[in-house]
N, C-alpha and C. Protein backbone atom coordinates (compact mmCIF):
# COMPACT_ATOMS: atom_id res chain seq x y z
N MET A 1 179.46 -1.63 132.59
CA MET A 1 180.65 -0.97 133.14
C MET A 1 180.33 -0.49 134.55
N THR A 2 181.23 -0.66 135.43
CA THR A 2 181.04 -0.16 136.81
C THR A 2 181.37 1.29 136.89
N ASP A 3 180.88 1.92 137.98
CA ASP A 3 181.16 3.34 138.18
C ASP A 3 182.63 3.62 138.27
N LYS A 4 183.05 4.67 137.66
CA LYS A 4 184.39 5.20 137.85
C LYS A 4 184.26 6.53 138.58
N LYS A 5 185.28 6.80 139.40
CA LYS A 5 185.31 8.14 140.03
C LYS A 5 185.68 9.14 138.91
N ALA A 6 185.14 10.35 139.05
CA ALA A 6 185.39 11.35 138.00
C ALA A 6 185.36 12.74 138.60
N THR A 7 186.04 13.63 137.92
CA THR A 7 185.92 15.06 138.20
C THR A 7 184.97 15.63 137.15
N ILE A 8 183.91 16.26 137.60
CA ILE A 8 182.92 16.81 136.67
C ILE A 8 182.90 18.34 136.81
N THR A 9 183.13 19.01 135.71
CA THR A 9 183.14 20.47 135.70
C THR A 9 182.01 20.95 134.85
N VAL A 10 181.21 21.82 135.42
CA VAL A 10 180.04 22.36 134.75
C VAL A 10 180.19 23.93 134.69
N VAL A 11 180.26 24.46 133.50
CA VAL A 11 180.29 25.92 133.30
C VAL A 11 179.02 26.32 132.59
N GLY A 12 178.27 27.21 133.24
CA GLY A 12 177.02 27.68 132.70
C GLY A 12 177.11 29.19 132.42
N ARG A 13 176.64 29.58 131.28
CA ARG A 13 176.59 30.94 130.84
C ARG A 13 175.11 31.27 130.54
N GLN A 14 174.59 32.37 131.11
CA GLN A 14 173.21 32.74 130.83
C GLN A 14 173.15 34.21 130.47
N LEU A 15 172.37 34.52 129.47
CA LEU A 15 172.24 35.87 129.05
C LEU A 15 170.75 36.28 129.22
N VAL A 16 170.54 37.21 130.18
CA VAL A 16 169.18 37.70 130.48
C VAL A 16 169.14 39.18 130.30
N ASP A 17 168.28 39.69 129.46
CA ASP A 17 168.18 41.15 129.20
C ASP A 17 169.53 41.76 128.90
N GLY A 18 170.34 41.04 128.10
CA GLY A 18 171.64 41.53 127.69
C GLY A 18 172.75 41.42 128.76
N GLU A 19 172.41 40.94 129.93
CA GLU A 19 173.41 40.86 131.02
C GLU A 19 173.89 39.38 131.14
N PRO A 20 175.21 39.16 131.04
CA PRO A 20 175.72 37.80 131.18
C PRO A 20 175.87 37.37 132.64
N ASP A 21 175.67 36.10 132.92
CA ASP A 21 175.91 35.53 134.25
C ASP A 21 176.58 34.20 134.00
N ILE A 22 177.76 34.04 134.66
CA ILE A 22 178.54 32.85 134.50
C ILE A 22 178.73 32.11 135.81
N THR A 23 178.44 30.84 135.86
CA THR A 23 178.69 29.99 137.02
C THR A 23 179.55 28.83 136.64
N GLU A 24 180.39 28.37 137.58
CA GLU A 24 181.21 27.23 137.35
C GLU A 24 181.34 26.41 138.62
N ILE A 25 181.20 25.11 138.50
CA ILE A 25 181.45 24.20 139.63
C ILE A 25 182.37 23.06 139.09
N SER A 26 183.16 22.56 139.99
CA SER A 26 184.01 21.40 139.69
C SER A 26 183.85 20.50 140.94
N VAL A 27 183.35 19.31 140.72
CA VAL A 27 183.01 18.37 141.82
C VAL A 27 183.48 16.99 141.50
N LYS A 28 183.63 16.24 142.56
CA LYS A 28 183.89 14.79 142.39
C LYS A 28 182.56 14.07 142.24
N GLY A 29 182.55 13.06 141.37
CA GLY A 29 181.31 12.37 141.15
C GLY A 29 181.65 10.94 140.59
N THR A 30 180.68 10.40 139.93
CA THR A 30 180.85 9.06 139.28
C THR A 30 180.44 9.17 137.84
N TYR A 31 180.98 8.25 137.08
CA TYR A 31 180.75 8.18 135.57
C TYR A 31 180.73 6.78 135.17
N ARG A 32 179.83 6.45 134.28
CA ARG A 32 179.74 5.06 133.75
C ARG A 32 179.17 5.01 132.35
N LYS A 33 179.52 3.96 131.63
CA LYS A 33 178.96 3.65 130.35
C LYS A 33 177.80 2.72 130.58
N THR A 34 176.70 2.92 129.87
CA THR A 34 175.61 1.98 129.92
C THR A 34 175.35 1.43 128.51
N ASP A 35 174.43 0.53 128.36
CA ASP A 35 174.12 0.06 127.01
C ASP A 35 173.48 1.14 126.16
N LYS A 36 173.02 2.22 126.73
CA LYS A 36 172.37 3.29 126.01
C LYS A 36 173.21 4.55 125.83
N GLY A 37 174.34 4.72 126.62
CA GLY A 37 175.11 5.93 126.57
C GLY A 37 176.00 6.03 127.82
N TYR A 38 176.03 7.26 128.37
CA TYR A 38 176.90 7.58 129.48
C TYR A 38 176.10 8.31 130.53
N ILE A 39 176.47 8.08 131.78
CA ILE A 39 175.82 8.72 132.96
C ILE A 39 176.90 9.31 133.83
N ALA A 40 176.75 10.57 134.19
CA ALA A 40 177.60 11.24 135.20
C ALA A 40 176.69 11.69 136.34
N GLU A 41 177.12 11.44 137.57
CA GLU A 41 176.40 11.88 138.76
C GLU A 41 177.28 12.62 139.70
N TYR A 42 176.70 13.67 140.34
CA TYR A 42 177.45 14.40 141.32
C TYR A 42 176.49 14.98 142.33
N THR A 43 177.06 15.37 143.47
CA THR A 43 176.27 16.01 144.51
C THR A 43 176.82 17.44 144.61
N ASP A 44 175.91 18.38 144.60
CA ASP A 44 176.23 19.81 144.70
C ASP A 44 175.75 20.28 146.08
N PHE A 45 176.64 20.78 146.90
CA PHE A 45 176.35 21.13 148.26
C PHE A 45 175.86 22.60 148.42
N GLU A 46 175.50 23.23 147.35
CA GLU A 46 175.13 24.66 147.44
C GLU A 46 173.64 24.87 147.59
N SER A 47 172.86 23.87 148.05
CA SER A 47 171.45 24.01 148.15
C SER A 47 171.08 24.67 149.46
N LEU A 48 169.80 24.98 149.55
CA LEU A 48 169.27 25.73 150.72
C LEU A 48 169.23 24.79 151.95
N GLU A 49 168.88 23.54 151.83
CA GLU A 49 168.62 22.68 152.97
C GLU A 49 169.41 21.35 152.84
N GLY A 50 170.69 21.41 152.53
CA GLY A 50 171.45 20.17 152.39
C GLY A 50 172.05 20.05 151.00
N SER A 51 172.09 18.80 150.55
CA SER A 51 172.76 18.54 149.29
C SER A 51 171.76 18.22 148.20
N GLU A 52 172.19 18.48 146.92
CA GLU A 52 171.31 18.17 145.81
C GLU A 52 172.19 17.21 144.94
N LYS A 53 171.49 16.23 144.35
CA LYS A 53 172.15 15.30 143.47
C LYS A 53 171.74 15.67 142.03
N THR A 54 172.70 15.60 141.10
CA THR A 54 172.41 15.82 139.70
C THR A 54 172.85 14.58 138.93
N VAL A 55 172.04 14.11 138.02
CA VAL A 55 172.36 12.99 137.15
C VAL A 55 172.19 13.45 135.71
N ILE A 56 173.31 13.29 134.95
CA ILE A 56 173.33 13.67 133.55
C ILE A 56 173.44 12.41 132.70
N SER A 57 172.44 12.16 131.85
CA SER A 57 172.46 10.96 131.03
C SER A 57 172.51 11.43 129.57
N VAL A 58 173.56 10.95 128.86
CA VAL A 58 173.71 11.31 127.45
C VAL A 58 173.56 10.05 126.61
N ASN A 59 172.60 10.05 125.70
CA ASN A 59 172.29 8.91 124.89
C ASN A 59 172.16 9.41 123.44
N GLY A 60 173.21 9.16 122.68
CA GLY A 60 173.17 9.59 121.27
C GLY A 60 172.90 11.09 121.11
N GLU A 61 171.73 11.42 120.63
CA GLU A 61 171.39 12.81 120.30
C GLU A 61 170.54 13.46 121.40
N THR A 62 170.44 12.85 122.58
CA THR A 62 169.65 13.43 123.66
C THR A 62 170.46 13.46 124.95
N MET A 63 170.11 14.43 125.79
CA MET A 63 170.69 14.54 127.16
C MET A 63 169.52 14.79 128.11
N LEU A 64 169.53 14.07 129.17
CA LEU A 64 168.55 14.23 130.27
C LEU A 64 169.31 14.68 131.49
N MET A 65 168.92 15.80 132.06
CA MET A 65 169.52 16.28 133.32
C MET A 65 168.44 16.26 134.43
N THR A 66 168.68 15.41 135.42
CA THR A 66 167.71 15.26 136.52
C THR A 66 168.35 15.77 137.80
N LYS A 67 167.65 16.63 138.51
CA LYS A 67 168.11 17.15 139.79
C LYS A 67 167.16 16.71 140.87
N PHE A 68 167.77 16.27 142.02
CA PHE A 68 166.99 15.81 143.15
C PHE A 68 167.43 16.69 144.31
N GLY A 69 166.49 17.07 145.16
CA GLY A 69 166.84 17.91 146.36
C GLY A 69 165.73 18.96 146.51
N ASP A 70 166.15 20.12 147.16
CA ASP A 70 165.14 21.15 147.38
C ASP A 70 164.64 21.72 146.05
N VAL A 71 165.53 21.73 145.09
CA VAL A 71 165.13 22.08 143.72
C VAL A 71 165.21 20.78 142.88
N SER A 72 164.07 20.39 142.36
CA SER A 72 163.99 19.16 141.54
C SER A 72 163.46 19.45 140.16
N THR A 73 164.02 18.80 139.18
CA THR A 73 163.58 18.96 137.81
C THR A 73 164.15 17.82 136.93
N GLU A 74 163.53 17.62 135.81
CA GLU A 74 164.04 16.70 134.82
C GLU A 74 163.93 17.44 133.46
N MET A 75 165.06 17.76 132.91
CA MET A 75 165.14 18.52 131.68
C MET A 75 165.63 17.70 130.55
N LEU A 76 164.90 17.65 129.44
CA LEU A 76 165.30 16.87 128.29
C LEU A 76 165.80 17.79 127.20
N PHE A 77 166.98 17.50 126.64
CA PHE A 77 167.57 18.27 125.58
C PHE A 77 167.74 17.45 124.35
N ARG A 78 167.20 17.86 123.21
CA ARG A 78 167.40 17.18 121.92
C ARG A 78 167.44 18.33 120.91
N GLN A 79 168.57 18.33 120.16
CA GLN A 79 168.88 19.48 119.26
C GLN A 79 167.68 19.68 118.32
N GLY A 80 167.29 20.99 118.17
CA GLY A 80 166.20 21.34 117.30
C GLY A 80 164.79 21.10 117.81
N GLU A 81 164.68 20.66 119.08
CA GLU A 81 163.38 20.33 119.66
C GLU A 81 163.14 21.11 120.91
N ARG A 82 161.86 21.28 121.21
CA ARG A 82 161.42 21.98 122.42
C ARG A 82 160.78 20.92 123.38
N SER A 83 161.05 21.09 124.69
CA SER A 83 160.42 20.19 125.66
C SER A 83 159.96 21.07 126.87
N ASN A 84 159.09 20.54 127.65
CA ASN A 84 158.62 21.20 128.87
C ASN A 84 159.11 20.44 130.05
N SER A 85 159.46 21.19 131.12
CA SER A 85 159.93 20.58 132.36
C SER A 85 159.28 21.24 133.55
N ASP A 86 158.93 20.49 134.55
CA ASP A 86 158.47 21.03 135.84
C ASP A 86 159.70 21.33 136.69
N TYR A 87 159.68 22.55 137.26
CA TYR A 87 160.79 22.99 138.11
C TYR A 87 160.22 23.15 139.49
N ILE A 88 160.57 22.27 140.42
CA ILE A 88 159.98 22.22 141.73
C ILE A 88 160.92 22.82 142.73
N THR A 89 160.49 23.89 143.46
CA THR A 89 161.30 24.57 144.47
C THR A 89 160.56 24.63 145.76
N PRO A 90 161.21 24.96 146.83
CA PRO A 90 160.52 25.11 148.12
C PRO A 90 159.51 26.28 148.12
N PHE A 91 159.62 27.17 147.11
CA PHE A 91 158.81 28.37 147.03
C PHE A 91 157.64 28.18 146.06
N GLY A 92 157.58 27.07 145.37
CA GLY A 92 156.44 26.81 144.43
C GLY A 92 157.02 26.10 143.21
N ASN A 93 156.07 25.69 142.35
CA ASN A 93 156.42 24.94 141.16
C ASN A 93 156.13 25.78 139.92
N ILE A 94 156.96 25.64 138.88
CA ILE A 94 156.72 26.29 137.60
C ILE A 94 157.00 25.34 136.48
N THR A 95 156.43 25.57 135.36
CA THR A 95 156.74 24.81 134.13
C THR A 95 157.54 25.73 133.24
N ILE A 96 158.68 25.15 132.81
CA ILE A 96 159.53 25.89 131.85
C ILE A 96 159.60 25.19 130.54
N GLY A 97 159.78 25.96 129.49
CA GLY A 97 159.98 25.39 128.12
C GLY A 97 161.45 25.50 127.82
N ILE A 98 161.98 24.44 127.18
CA ILE A 98 163.39 24.44 126.80
C ILE A 98 163.50 24.14 125.30
N TYR A 99 164.17 25.06 124.57
CA TYR A 99 164.39 24.79 123.18
C TYR A 99 165.92 24.60 123.00
N THR A 100 166.33 23.41 122.54
CA THR A 100 167.74 23.09 122.42
C THR A 100 168.20 23.51 121.03
N LYS A 101 169.08 24.53 121.01
CA LYS A 101 169.69 24.98 119.71
C LYS A 101 170.85 24.11 119.30
N LYS A 102 171.66 23.66 120.24
CA LYS A 102 172.86 22.87 119.93
C LYS A 102 173.08 21.85 121.07
N LEU A 103 173.41 20.64 120.67
CA LEU A 103 173.84 19.60 121.59
C LEU A 103 174.92 18.80 120.94
N GLU A 104 176.15 18.85 121.45
CA GLU A 104 177.27 18.12 120.92
C GLU A 104 177.95 17.33 122.06
N SER A 105 178.28 16.08 121.78
CA SER A 105 178.90 15.30 122.81
C SER A 105 180.15 14.51 122.27
N SER A 106 181.21 14.49 123.04
CA SER A 106 182.40 13.76 122.67
C SER A 106 182.70 12.73 123.80
N LEU A 107 181.68 12.26 124.52
CA LEU A 107 181.90 11.35 125.67
C LEU A 107 182.35 9.95 125.18
N ASP A 108 183.29 9.36 125.87
CA ASP A 108 183.68 8.00 125.66
C ASP A 108 183.94 7.38 127.05
N GLU A 109 184.55 6.22 127.10
CA GLU A 109 184.76 5.49 128.39
C GLU A 109 185.58 6.29 129.38
N ASN A 110 186.42 7.25 128.86
CA ASN A 110 187.31 8.00 129.76
C ASN A 110 186.78 9.37 130.11
N GLY A 111 185.62 9.75 129.61
CA GLY A 111 185.05 11.05 129.87
C GLY A 111 184.85 11.78 128.57
N GLY A 112 185.04 13.09 128.66
CA GLY A 112 184.84 13.92 127.46
C GLY A 112 184.08 15.18 127.78
N ARG A 113 183.36 15.70 126.78
CA ARG A 113 182.75 16.97 126.93
C ARG A 113 181.34 16.97 126.26
N VAL A 114 180.43 17.68 126.89
CA VAL A 114 179.11 17.92 126.31
C VAL A 114 178.93 19.47 126.19
N SER A 115 178.53 19.95 125.01
CA SER A 115 178.30 21.37 124.78
C SER A 115 176.79 21.50 124.44
N LEU A 116 176.22 22.46 125.12
CA LEU A 116 174.76 22.63 125.02
C LEU A 116 174.44 24.13 124.88
N GLU A 117 173.57 24.45 123.98
CA GLU A 117 173.03 25.82 123.90
C GLU A 117 171.51 25.72 123.78
N TYR A 118 170.83 26.48 124.67
CA TYR A 118 169.35 26.33 124.70
C TYR A 118 168.75 27.62 125.25
N THR A 119 167.47 27.79 124.94
CA THR A 119 166.71 28.86 125.51
C THR A 119 165.74 28.34 126.54
N ILE A 120 165.40 29.11 127.49
CA ILE A 120 164.37 28.78 128.48
C ILE A 120 163.25 29.87 128.38
N ASP A 121 162.01 29.41 128.42
CA ASP A 121 160.91 30.32 128.48
C ASP A 121 159.95 29.90 129.62
N PHE A 122 159.21 30.93 130.05
CA PHE A 122 158.16 30.75 131.09
C PHE A 122 156.89 31.22 130.49
N ASN A 123 155.86 30.42 130.48
CA ASN A 123 154.56 30.71 129.89
C ASN A 123 154.73 31.21 128.42
N SER A 124 155.60 30.48 127.65
CA SER A 124 155.85 30.77 126.28
C SER A 124 156.49 32.13 125.95
N GLY A 125 156.99 32.79 126.99
CA GLY A 125 157.70 34.07 126.81
C GLY A 125 159.14 33.85 127.01
N PHE A 126 160.00 34.33 126.06
CA PHE A 126 161.44 34.16 126.18
C PHE A 126 162.00 34.67 127.49
N ALA A 127 162.85 33.92 128.14
CA ALA A 127 163.44 34.32 129.42
C ALA A 127 164.96 34.41 129.34
N ALA A 128 165.61 33.42 128.77
CA ALA A 128 167.10 33.46 128.82
C ALA A 128 167.68 32.57 127.74
N LEU A 129 168.89 32.92 127.28
CA LEU A 129 169.72 32.11 126.41
C LEU A 129 170.80 31.52 127.32
N ASN A 130 170.95 30.21 127.23
CA ASN A 130 171.87 29.51 128.10
C ASN A 130 172.89 28.69 127.28
N GLU A 131 174.10 28.63 127.81
CA GLU A 131 175.12 27.72 127.30
C GLU A 131 175.65 26.91 128.43
N LEU A 132 175.88 25.65 128.20
CA LEU A 132 176.35 24.73 129.27
C LEU A 132 177.49 23.90 128.67
N GLU A 133 178.65 23.87 129.35
CA GLU A 133 179.74 23.02 129.00
C GLU A 133 180.00 22.08 130.16
N ILE A 134 179.87 20.82 129.89
CA ILE A 134 180.06 19.80 130.97
C ILE A 134 181.30 18.98 130.56
N THR A 135 182.30 18.98 131.42
CA THR A 135 183.54 18.18 131.17
C THR A 135 183.60 17.04 132.21
N VAL A 136 183.84 15.84 131.73
CA VAL A 136 184.00 14.71 132.62
C VAL A 136 185.38 14.15 132.46
N ASP A 137 186.12 14.09 133.55
CA ASP A 137 187.45 13.44 133.56
C ASP A 137 187.38 12.22 134.43
N ALA A 138 187.24 11.04 133.80
CA ALA A 138 187.16 9.79 134.55
C ALA A 138 188.53 9.45 135.11
N ILE A 139 188.54 8.92 136.31
CA ILE A 139 189.77 8.48 136.95
C ILE A 139 189.92 6.98 136.80
N ASN A 140 190.87 6.57 136.01
CA ASN A 140 191.11 5.09 135.85
C ASN A 140 191.94 4.59 136.99
N GLU A 141 191.40 3.70 137.78
CA GLU A 141 192.14 3.16 138.92
C GLU A 141 192.71 1.83 138.65
C-alpha cells in the first residue's frame, strides 16, 4: 500500500508523584499498511533545534515508537512485558525501562486508534504512569 496523507492526534497523560500532566498534538503525516501491520509517521516541530520525526509501527500485539532528532529513542511496547530503551538527548543519554500494562489497537486501512498504558522507570525505580491515545485519520484521495 502506498502512503496516505493522515491526521495523527496523540494525547499523552502522565502521572508523576500524584500530579497529572496532559499533552496533545494533532499533526499531518503519512499512514500505510505493510505486510506486517501499520505505520504512521509525522514530524513534530516542537524540538530544540529543528524538527523531530516520529514513526509508529503497530504489528499485531506490539508497537514500536521511534523518534529521530535532538531527542532520539526507540521504545518497544508489548502488553505484559518490560523492555529497555536508550533515550538520547543533547544533554546526555539515559536508559529507561518500559512496562506495558495495556496495548489495544483498532487500526485498519483507513486509520483507527491505539490505546497504551505503561510505566517508565529509571535505574529500576518507578518514575511515572503513562497513557497514550493515538488516533489516525487517513485521508482517502
